[in-house]
Amino acid sequence: MKMLKKYFNYGLTLVIMLATPLLYAKAESQVLATVDNLTITSDQLEMAVASSPFATQFIAMNEDDQAAIRGDLLRRMVISRLLYLEATHQGVDKNTIFIKEMNDFRLSQLYRHYMDKLRSRIQIPEEAVAAMKSQFKGNADGFAAARSAYLADRYRGLRMLTLQKLRDKYHVRIHEERLLPKSSDDTLLLEGDGIQITYGDIAPDRIDKKQINSAWLNDQLYKRAELLLIAKAAEEEEVDVSPRVKAFGDERLPALLVEQKQREWVPDDQTLKDYFRLHPEFGQIEERRHIGQLIVANRKQAESFRQRILAGESLFNLAGQYSIDPYGRSRNGDMGWIQPGRGMPQIEQALSKLADNEISGVIETPAGFHIITILERRPGSTKTFSGVRDRLLQAVISEKMNAYLQELEKRHRVVWNVIKEDTNPSTKTSASGGS
């Protein structure tokens, strides 16, 4: 079985496993999948769920929705590990871009740690707090703003004093006379004990040359100097940011490989234009309809509401009070602009025969009994290449990525370990599947 088929059609077995989180709570962490020698455990999956955009709503979801989210995250984690292994196989971790990004991230984490510690040293004297409370009595927002302004002012002063001390400590010398827009990359702009900054450090080739002037260069130089000085001070205090740096690298390597492949797949716009010529449907924008809808649980109620609407009551007021669709009820029945073919077949059939502002008959679907209307339409149109370029880019990359993942399957073995639900609580069975 091809890996992509597993990723995107794995439904039933993943739902069996992922809809039963209590299994994980009762037992030790389970290995859900392996990619070569890399494992994905139930604990790691739960951490991914907790840090996902759905985390706050997750507990309120039903089991099927929870299982779908877990399944999607697990597939993404397997793909990420596939790309990570391939990136290291291709030596992307030795790439100068990756090495520079890792170093810059390490410096930023050292800087952040040191400055957070510096900020935590600032205390507001009791008499200053009392004065603020007196001035902003009964005004909590005003008091909070005054307190923040006081801390910010003290932080700026402490920061400048700290930087000056570090410049003296590391014998920093700045060569502002060399700060010219056309300097060579190896021109030394700042030097000190264990610290140096060259022109190439602050004005790399990827920077738009139009924005490079003396004022911009001066600003970049002092920002870089501050970063290096603070990071060096943090290192001397033996601040350890290695776990965060490793986590960043683990995420960045796959992304860097994908960026590299994307440049290979789409080297220029001509590639996209050729694709557009073969797939002109990307330029076709279908008619869109602005839909209103009321859904209820039984036909008798639907027929009653329909008669009330025909007699002059508002479908939207009724939907806001009685619709069994939470989304529709929250929007008073306004379903927004919808393209043909996006709804259930029964709804599509009714819409195809409906005139603007006409109230439909009662339509039965698995979701309930619907009454719909079309408020207005936007006619279809044809877009030029520039209007659909981003969609074309996504389509080409998606096709190439699918084929690329199949290639990676042949190089890196994937094994799924699926915990199946057992009616006997004293036993469990596990279904493992390779590529």
Protein backbone atom coordinates (compact mmCIF):
# COMPACT_ATOMS: atom_id res chain seq x y z
CA MET A 1 0.00 0.00 0.00
CA LYS A 2 1.33 3.41 -0.93
CA MET A 3 2.10 5.77 1.90
CA LEU A 4 -0.10 8.57 0.62
CA LYS A 5 -3.05 6.22 0.54
CA LYS A 6 -2.33 5.51 4.19
CA TYR A 7 -2.01 9.21 5.02
CA PHE A 8 -5.19 10.40 3.43
CA ASN A 9 -7.45 7.31 3.52
CA TYR A 10 -6.44 5.80 6.82
CA GLY A 11 -9.76 6.85 8.36
CA LEU A 12 -11.27 3.84 10.11
CA THR A 13 -8.22 2.45 11.88
CA LEU A 14 -7.10 5.91 12.96
CA VAL A 15 -10.56 6.71 14.26
CA ILE A 16 -10.56 3.47 16.28
CA MET A 17 -7.31 4.49 17.88
CA LEU A 18 -7.64 8.25 18.10
CA ALA A 19 -11.18 8.43 19.37
CA THR A 20 -10.20 6.61 22.57
CA PRO A 21 -7.78 8.91 24.42
CA LEU A 22 -8.56 7.20 27.74
CA LEU A 23 -6.42 4.28 26.60
CA TYR A 24 -3.44 6.60 26.82
CA ALA A 25 -4.39 7.90 30.23
CA LYS A 26 -4.57 4.38 31.62
CA ALA A 27 -1.35 3.08 30.10
CA GLU A 28 2.16 4.20 29.36
CA SER A 29 2.82 6.24 26.25
CA GLN A 30 2.19 4.17 23.11
CA VAL A 31 4.25 4.25 19.90
CA LEU A 32 1.74 5.21 17.21
CA ALA A 33 4.10 5.22 14.24
CA THR A 34 7.77 4.93 13.33
CA VAL A 35 9.65 6.44 10.41
CA ASP A 36 12.94 4.57 10.12
CA ASN A 37 14.33 5.00 13.63
CA LEU A 38 12.14 7.97 14.59
CA THR A 39 9.05 7.30 16.69
CA ILE A 40 5.80 9.16 17.27
CA THR A 41 4.17 8.42 20.61
CA SER A 42 0.71 9.06 22.00
CA ASP A 43 2.25 11.56 24.43
CA GLN A 44 3.77 13.51 21.53
CA LEU A 45 0.45 13.46 19.71
CA GLU A 46 -1.39 14.78 22.76
CA MET A 47 1.21 17.56 23.07
CA ALA A 48 0.59 18.43 19.42
CA VAL A 49 -3.16 18.55 20.09
CA ALA A 50 -2.61 20.80 23.12
CA SER A 51 -0.54 23.27 21.08
CA SER A 52 -2.85 23.23 18.03
CA PRO A 53 -5.32 26.04 17.19
CA PHE A 54 -8.13 23.66 18.20
CA ALA A 55 -6.87 23.16 21.75
CA THR A 56 -9.39 25.41 23.49
CA GLN A 57 -12.40 23.83 21.73
CA PHE A 58 -11.08 20.26 21.69
CA ILE A 59 -12.77 18.96 24.88
CA ALA A 60 -16.16 20.26 23.73
CA MET A 61 -15.94 18.38 20.41
CA ASN A 62 -17.57 15.01 19.82
CA GLU A 63 -15.43 11.87 19.49
CA ASP A 64 -15.49 11.83 15.69
CA ASP A 65 -14.21 15.41 15.45
CA GLN A 66 -11.52 14.73 18.06
CA ALA A 67 -10.45 11.62 16.16
CA ALA A 68 -10.30 13.56 12.89
CA ILE A 69 -8.03 16.20 14.44
CA ARG A 70 -5.78 13.58 16.03
CA GLY A 71 -5.61 11.66 12.75
CA ASP A 72 -4.68 14.77 10.77
CA LEU A 73 -2.00 15.76 13.29
CA LEU A 74 -0.55 12.25 13.31
CA ARG A 75 -0.31 12.24 9.51
CA ARG A 76 1.38 15.64 9.61
CA MET A 77 3.86 14.40 12.22
CA VAL A 78 4.75 11.36 10.08
CA ILE A 79 5.27 13.57 7.02
CA SER A 80 7.41 15.97 9.07
CA ARG A 81 9.67 13.13 10.18
CA LEU A 82 9.92 11.83 6.63
CA LEU A 83 11.07 15.25 5.47
CA TYR A 84 13.43 15.59 8.44
CA LEU A 85 15.13 12.30 7.60
CA GLU A 86 15.41 13.23 3.95
CA ALA A 87 16.81 16.65 4.83
CA THR A 88 19.59 15.10 6.90
CA HIS A 89 20.14 12.48 4.17
CA GLN A 90 20.69 15.29 1.67
CA GLY A 91 22.90 17.27 4.04
CA VAL A 92 20.55 20.22 4.39
CA ASP A 93 21.71 20.47 8.00
CA LYS A 94 25.18 21.30 6.63
CA ASN A 95 23.76 24.06 4.44
CA THR A 96 25.17 27.51 5.23
CA ILE A 97 21.66 28.98 5.31
CA PHE A 98 20.53 26.44 7.91
CA ILE A 99 23.68 26.93 10.00
CA LYS A 100 23.18 30.72 9.97
CA GLU A 101 19.49 30.42 10.90
CA MET A 102 20.37 28.08 13.77
CA ASN A 103 23.01 30.48 15.06
CA ASP A 104 20.69 33.47 14.74
CA PHE A 105 17.97 31.61 16.62
CA ARG A 106 20.44 30.60 19.35
CA LEU A 107 21.54 34.22 19.73
CA SER A 108 17.93 35.42 19.88
CA GLN A 109 17.09 32.91 22.62
CA LEU A 110 20.15 33.91 24.66
CA TYR A 111 19.20 37.56 24.21
CA ARG A 112 15.61 36.95 25.26
CA HIS A 113 16.60 34.98 28.35
CA TYR A 114 19.08 37.62 29.50
CA MET A 115 16.74 40.55 28.90
CA ASP A 116 13.80 38.82 30.58
CA LYS A 117 16.02 38.32 33.60
CA LEU A 118 17.06 41.98 33.43
CA ARG A 119 13.44 43.09 33.27
CA SER A 120 12.50 40.92 36.25
CA ARG A 121 14.98 42.88 38.40
CA ILE A 122 12.95 46.07 38.07
CA GLN A 123 10.79 46.78 41.10
CA ILE A 124 8.42 49.70 41.58
CA PRO A 125 9.00 51.43 44.94
CA GLU A 126 6.04 51.28 47.30
CA GLU A 127 5.76 55.08 47.39
CA ALA A 128 5.52 55.17 43.57
CA VAL A 129 2.78 52.53 43.62
CA ALA A 130 0.91 54.50 46.28
CA ALA A 131 1.17 57.69 44.21
CA MET A 132 -0.23 55.90 41.14
CA LYS A 133 -3.12 54.45 43.12
CA SER A 134 -3.93 57.87 44.47
CA GLN A 135 -3.76 59.49 41.04
CA PHE A 136 -5.85 56.81 39.32
CA LYS A 137 -8.23 55.95 42.14
CA GLY A 138 -11.14 53.97 40.71
CA ASN A 139 -9.48 53.81 37.28
CA ALA A 140 -7.93 50.34 36.93
CA ASP A 141 -6.95 50.86 33.28
CA GLY A 142 -5.22 54.14 34.09
CA PHE A 143 -3.32 52.55 36.97
CA ALA A 144 -2.22 49.61 34.77
CA ALA A 145 -1.06 52.00 32.03
CA ALA A 146 0.93 54.13 34.50
CA ARG A 147 2.53 51.03 36.00
CA SER A 148 3.50 49.73 32.53
CA ALA A 149 4.94 53.12 31.55
CA TYR A 150 7.02 53.23 34.75
CA LEU A 151 8.43 49.73 34.12
CA ALA A 152 9.13 50.49 30.45
CA ASP A 153 10.98 53.68 31.34
CA ARG A 154 13.13 51.94 33.97
CA TYR A 155 13.80 49.05 31.57
CA ARG A 156 15.06 51.41 28.85
CA GLY A 157 17.45 53.01 31.29
CA LEU A 158 18.71 49.70 32.67
CA ARG A 159 19.11 48.31 29.16
CA MET A 160 21.24 51.25 27.98
CA LEU A 161 23.38 51.08 31.13
CA THR A 162 23.90 47.33 30.68
CA LEU A 163 24.89 47.73 27.03
CA GLN A 164 27.42 50.43 27.88
CA LYS A 165 28.99 48.23 30.56
CA LEU A 166 29.22 45.30 28.13
CA ARG A 167 30.81 47.49 25.43
CA ASP A 168 33.47 48.53 27.92
CA LYS A 169 33.92 44.99 29.22
CA TYR A 170 34.48 43.51 25.74
CA HIS A 171 36.46 46.52 24.42
CA VAL A 172 34.08 47.15 21.54
CA ARG A 173 35.28 49.40 18.72
CA ILE A 174 32.89 50.64 16.01
CA HIS A 175 34.19 51.76 12.60
CA GLU A 176 31.37 54.03 11.50
CA GLU A 177 33.54 55.58 8.80
CA ARG A 178 33.35 52.25 6.93
CA LEU A 179 29.55 52.18 7.04
CA LEU A 180 28.97 52.82 3.33
CA PRO A 181 26.21 51.31 1.13
CA LYS A 182 28.73 49.94 -1.37
CA SER A 183 31.17 48.34 1.08
CA SER A 184 32.35 44.77 0.46
CA ASP A 185 30.84 41.95 2.54
CA ASP A 186 34.07 41.36 4.49
CA THR A 187 34.43 45.00 5.57
CA LEU A 188 34.84 44.98 9.37
CA LEU A 189 32.38 47.38 11.01
CA LEU A 190 32.65 46.38 14.68
CA GLU A 191 35.16 44.38 16.70
CA GLY A 192 35.71 43.44 20.32
CA ASP A 193 36.77 40.55 22.53
CA GLY A 194 35.25 37.54 20.75
CA ILE A 195 32.84 39.73 18.75
CA GLN A 196 32.93 41.11 15.25
CA ILE A 197 30.42 42.35 12.69
CA THR A 198 31.06 42.67 8.97
CA TYR A 199 29.08 44.46 6.28
CA GLY A 200 27.79 41.09 5.04
CA ASP A 201 26.36 40.34 8.50
CA ILE A 202 23.96 43.28 8.37
CA ALA A 203 23.35 43.69 4.60
CA PRO A 204 23.15 40.19 3.06
CA ASP A 205 22.43 39.70 -0.64
CA ARG A 206 18.73 38.97 -0.05
CA ILE A 207 18.12 42.52 1.24
CA ASP A 208 16.53 44.90 -1.27
CA LYS A 209 19.34 47.26 -2.27
CA LYS A 210 16.88 50.18 -2.48
CA GLN A 211 16.46 50.24 1.29
CA ILE A 212 20.20 50.27 2.01
CA ASN A 213 21.44 53.71 3.03
CA SER A 214 23.70 55.03 5.79
CA ALA A 215 20.89 55.50 8.32
CA TRP A 216 19.55 51.98 7.71
CA LEU A 217 23.03 50.46 7.97
CA ASN A 218 23.71 52.32 11.22
CA ASP A 219 20.46 51.02 12.71
CA GLN A 220 21.22 47.44 11.65
CA LEU A 221 24.75 47.65 13.02
CA TYR A 222 23.65 48.76 16.47
CA LYS A 223 20.87 46.16 16.61
CA ARG A 224 23.34 43.41 15.69
CA ALA A 225 25.86 44.72 18.22
CA GLU A 226 23.26 44.65 20.99
CA LEU A 227 22.27 41.09 20.08
CA LEU A 228 25.86 39.83 20.13
CA LEU A 229 26.79 41.63 23.35
CA ILE A 230 23.79 40.38 25.30
CA ALA A 231 24.12 36.84 23.92
CA LYS A 232 27.80 36.74 24.89
CA ALA A 233 26.95 37.89 28.42
CA ALA A 234 24.28 35.18 28.65
CA GLU A 235 26.74 32.52 27.49
CA GLU A 236 29.20 33.59 30.16
CA GLU A 237 26.42 33.06 32.69
CA GLU A 238 26.07 29.52 31.24
CA VAL A 239 22.50 30.03 30.10
CA ASP A 240 21.39 26.81 28.35
CA VAL A 241 19.04 27.29 25.40
CA SER A 242 20.00 24.06 23.62
CA PRO A 243 16.58 22.34 24.02
CA ARG A 244 14.84 25.27 22.29
CA VAL A 245 17.52 25.43 19.61
CA LYS A 246 17.17 21.70 18.90
CA ALA A 247 13.38 21.99 18.70
CA PHE A 248 13.74 24.87 16.25
CA GLY A 249 16.17 22.86 14.13
CA ASP A 250 13.86 19.85 14.09
CA GLU A 251 11.07 22.05 12.70
CA ARG A 252 13.21 24.16 10.39
CA LEU A 253 15.02 21.33 8.59
CA PRO A 254 11.88 19.88 6.94
CA ALA A 255 10.68 23.37 6.05
CA LEU A 256 14.02 24.25 4.47
CA LEU A 257 13.96 21.06 2.40
CA VAL A 258 10.44 21.88 1.18
CA GLU A 259 11.52 25.42 0.26
CA GLN A 260 14.45 23.96 -1.67
CA LYS A 261 12.19 21.51 -3.53
CA GLN A 262 9.66 24.24 -4.31
CA ARG A 263 12.36 26.27 -6.02
CA GLU A 264 13.22 23.19 -8.10
CA TRP A 265 9.58 22.48 -8.96
CA VAL A 266 8.69 26.08 -9.82
CA PRO A 267 11.88 27.81 -10.96
CA ASP A 268 9.99 30.62 -12.73
CA ASP A 269 6.55 31.81 -13.80
CA GLN A 270 6.84 30.00 -17.12
CA THR A 271 6.31 26.72 -15.28
CA LEU A 272 3.05 28.05 -13.87
CA LYS A 273 1.96 29.47 -17.24
CA ASP A 274 2.53 26.09 -18.88
CA TYR A 275 0.44 24.46 -16.15
CA PHE A 276 -2.29 27.06 -16.61
CA ARG A 277 -2.40 26.29 -20.32
CA LEU A 278 -3.06 22.62 -19.50
CA HIS A 279 -5.56 23.46 -16.73
CA PRO A 280 -7.59 26.50 -17.88
CA GLU A 281 -10.28 25.63 -15.32
CA PHE A 282 -8.18 27.46 -12.70
CA GLY A 283 -9.18 30.70 -14.38
CA GLN A 284 -12.89 29.93 -14.30
CA ILE A 285 -14.74 31.52 -11.38
CA GLU A 286 -18.13 29.91 -10.95
CA GLU A 287 -21.31 31.76 -10.12
CA ARG A 288 -21.74 32.35 -6.39
CA ARG A 289 -25.00 32.56 -4.48
CA HIS A 290 -25.74 34.37 -1.24
CA ILE A 291 -27.81 31.81 0.68
CA GLY A 292 -30.26 32.06 3.55
CA GLN A 293 -31.28 28.87 5.36
CA LEU A 294 -33.44 27.52 8.18
CA ILE A 295 -33.04 23.89 9.35
CA VAL A 296 -35.42 22.14 11.74
CA ALA A 297 -35.79 18.59 13.01
CA ASN A 298 -39.06 17.45 11.41
CA ARG A 299 -41.14 18.06 8.32
CA LYS A 300 -44.27 19.23 10.15
CA GLN A 301 -42.35 22.01 11.85
CA ALA A 302 -40.62 22.93 8.59
CA GLU A 303 -43.94 23.19 6.72
CA SER A 304 -45.34 25.38 9.50
CA PHE A 305 -42.33 27.73 9.37
CA ARG A 306 -42.50 27.87 5.57
CA GLN A 307 -46.12 29.05 5.71
CA ARG A 308 -45.18 31.71 8.25
CA ILE A 309 -42.35 32.93 5.99
CA LEU A 310 -44.68 33.05 2.97
CA ALA A 311 -47.10 35.05 5.11
CA GLY A 312 -44.42 37.68 5.75
CA GLU A 313 -42.26 36.55 8.69
CA SER A 314 -38.48 36.72 8.27
CA LEU A 315 -36.67 33.47 7.52
CA PHE A 316 -33.63 35.01 9.19
CA ASN A 317 -35.39 35.87 12.44
CA LEU A 318 -36.83 32.35 12.60
CA ALA A 319 -33.42 30.79 11.82
CA GLY A 320 -31.82 32.81 14.62
CA GLN A 321 -34.36 31.40 17.08
CA TYR A 322 -35.14 27.88 15.88
CA SER A 323 -32.48 26.55 13.45
CA ILE A 324 -30.90 23.29 14.68
CA ASP A 325 -27.67 24.20 12.85
CA PRO A 326 -25.47 26.02 15.43
CA TYR A 327 -23.51 27.87 12.73
CA GLY A 328 -26.64 28.99 10.91
CA ARG A 329 -28.44 29.95 14.12
CA SER A 330 -25.49 32.07 15.26
CA ARG A 331 -25.64 33.94 11.93
CA ASN A 332 -29.45 34.21 11.84
CA GLY A 333 -29.57 31.92 8.83
CA ASP A 334 -27.14 33.93 6.68
CA MET A 335 -24.88 31.25 5.17
CA GLY A 336 -22.80 33.69 3.11
CA TRP A 337 -21.61 33.25 -0.47
CA ILE A 338 -21.49 29.64 -1.68
CA GLN A 339 -20.35 28.25 -5.03
CA PRO A 340 -22.48 25.66 -6.82
CA GLY A 341 -21.52 22.08 -6.01
CA ARG A 342 -20.45 22.82 -2.45
CA GLY A 343 -23.66 21.68 -0.75
CA MET A 344 -25.52 18.40 -0.31
CA PRO A 345 -27.06 17.00 -3.52
CA GLN A 346 -30.64 17.66 -2.35
CA ILE A 347 -29.77 21.31 -1.62
CA GLU A 348 -27.94 21.74 -4.91
CA GLN A 349 -30.88 20.37 -6.86
CA ALA A 350 -33.27 22.80 -5.17
CA LEU A 351 -30.94 25.79 -5.63
CA SER A 352 -30.55 25.08 -9.34
CA LYS A 353 -34.31 25.70 -9.83
CA LEU A 354 -34.71 28.59 -7.36
CA ALA A 355 -35.17 32.23 -8.41
CA ASP A 356 -33.70 35.07 -6.38
CA ASN A 357 -35.65 35.77 -3.16
CA GLU A 358 -37.92 32.79 -3.79
CA ILE A 359 -38.61 30.56 -0.76
CA SER A 360 -37.93 26.90 -1.46
CA GLY A 361 -40.13 24.00 -0.54
CA VAL A 362 -39.11 21.82 2.40
CA ILE A 363 -35.95 19.89 1.52
CA GLU A 364 -35.06 16.74 3.46
CA THR A 365 -31.38 15.81 4.00
CA PRO A 366 -29.53 13.76 6.62
CA ALA A 367 -28.99 17.05 8.51
CA GLY A 368 -32.72 17.81 8.86
CA PHE A 369 -35.47 19.67 6.99
CA HIS A 370 -34.33 22.82 5.17
CA ILE A 371 -35.97 25.97 3.87
CA ILE A 372 -33.62 27.99 1.69
CA THR A 373 -33.57 31.18 -0.36
CA ILE A 374 -31.10 32.91 -2.69
CA LEU A 375 -30.63 36.54 -1.70
CA GLU A 376 -28.44 37.51 -4.67
CA ARG A 377 -25.97 36.08 -7.17
CA ARG A 378 -22.55 36.98 -8.48
CA PRO A 379 -22.05 35.80 -12.06
CA GLY A 380 -19.12 33.64 -13.04
CA SER A 381 -16.04 35.15 -14.65
CA THR A 382 -12.66 34.27 -16.17
CA LYS A 383 -9.44 35.37 -14.48
CA THR A 384 -6.08 35.98 -16.11
CA PHE A 385 -2.83 34.28 -15.10
CA SER A 386 -1.92 37.05 -12.65
CA GLY A 387 -5.27 36.66 -10.93
CA VAL A 388 -4.81 32.94 -10.24
CA ARG A 389 -1.04 32.71 -9.94
CA ASP A 390 -1.12 31.83 -6.23
CA ARG A 391 -3.70 29.08 -6.81
CA LEU A 392 -1.60 27.65 -9.63
CA LEU A 393 1.49 27.70 -7.43
CA GLN A 394 -0.35 25.80 -4.69
CA ALA A 395 -1.68 23.25 -7.19
CA VAL A 396 1.72 22.56 -8.78
CA ILE A 397 3.43 22.24 -5.41
CA SER A 398 0.67 19.96 -4.12
CA GLU A 399 1.04 17.62 -7.10
CA LYS A 400 4.82 17.59 -6.84
CA MET A 401 4.72 17.08 -3.08
CA ASN A 402 2.45 14.06 -3.36
CA ALA A 403 4.83 12.43 -5.83
CA TYR A 404 7.83 13.41 -3.70
CA LEU A 405 6.36 11.81 -0.57
CA GLN A 406 5.89 8.60 -2.51
CA GLU A 407 9.59 8.71 -3.38
CA LEU A 408 10.46 9.20 0.28
CA GLU A 409 8.34 6.17 1.17
CA LYS A 410 10.73 4.01 -0.81
CA ARG A 411 13.70 5.36 1.15
CA HIS A 412 12.31 5.62 4.68
CA ARG A 413 10.12 2.84 6.08
CA VAL A 414 6.91 3.88 7.84
CA VAL A 415 5.19 1.55 10.32
CA TRP A 416 1.80 2.37 11.87
CA ASN A 417 0.98 0.88 15.27
CA VAL A 418 -2.75 1.15 15.80
CA ILE A 419 -4.36 0.34 19.14
CA LYS A 420 -7.69 -1.33 18.47
CA GLU A 421 -10.63 -1.10 20.81
CA ASP A 422 -11.20 -4.35 22.70
CA THR A 423 -14.42 -5.40 24.40
CA ASN A 424 -12.33 -7.23 27.00
CA PRO A 425 -10.76 -4.55 29.22
CA SER A 426 -7.99 -6.92 30.31
CA THR A 427 -6.57 -7.33 26.80
CA LYS A 428 -5.50 -5.14 23.90
CA THR A 429 -4.51 -5.92 20.35
CA SER A 430 -2.22 -3.91 18.11
CA ALA A 431 -2.29 -3.76 14.32
CA SER A 432 1.02 -2.77 12.78
CA GLY A 433 1.45 -1.99 9.12
CA GLY A 434 4.55 -1.21 7.08
CA SER A 435 4.86 0.72 3.85
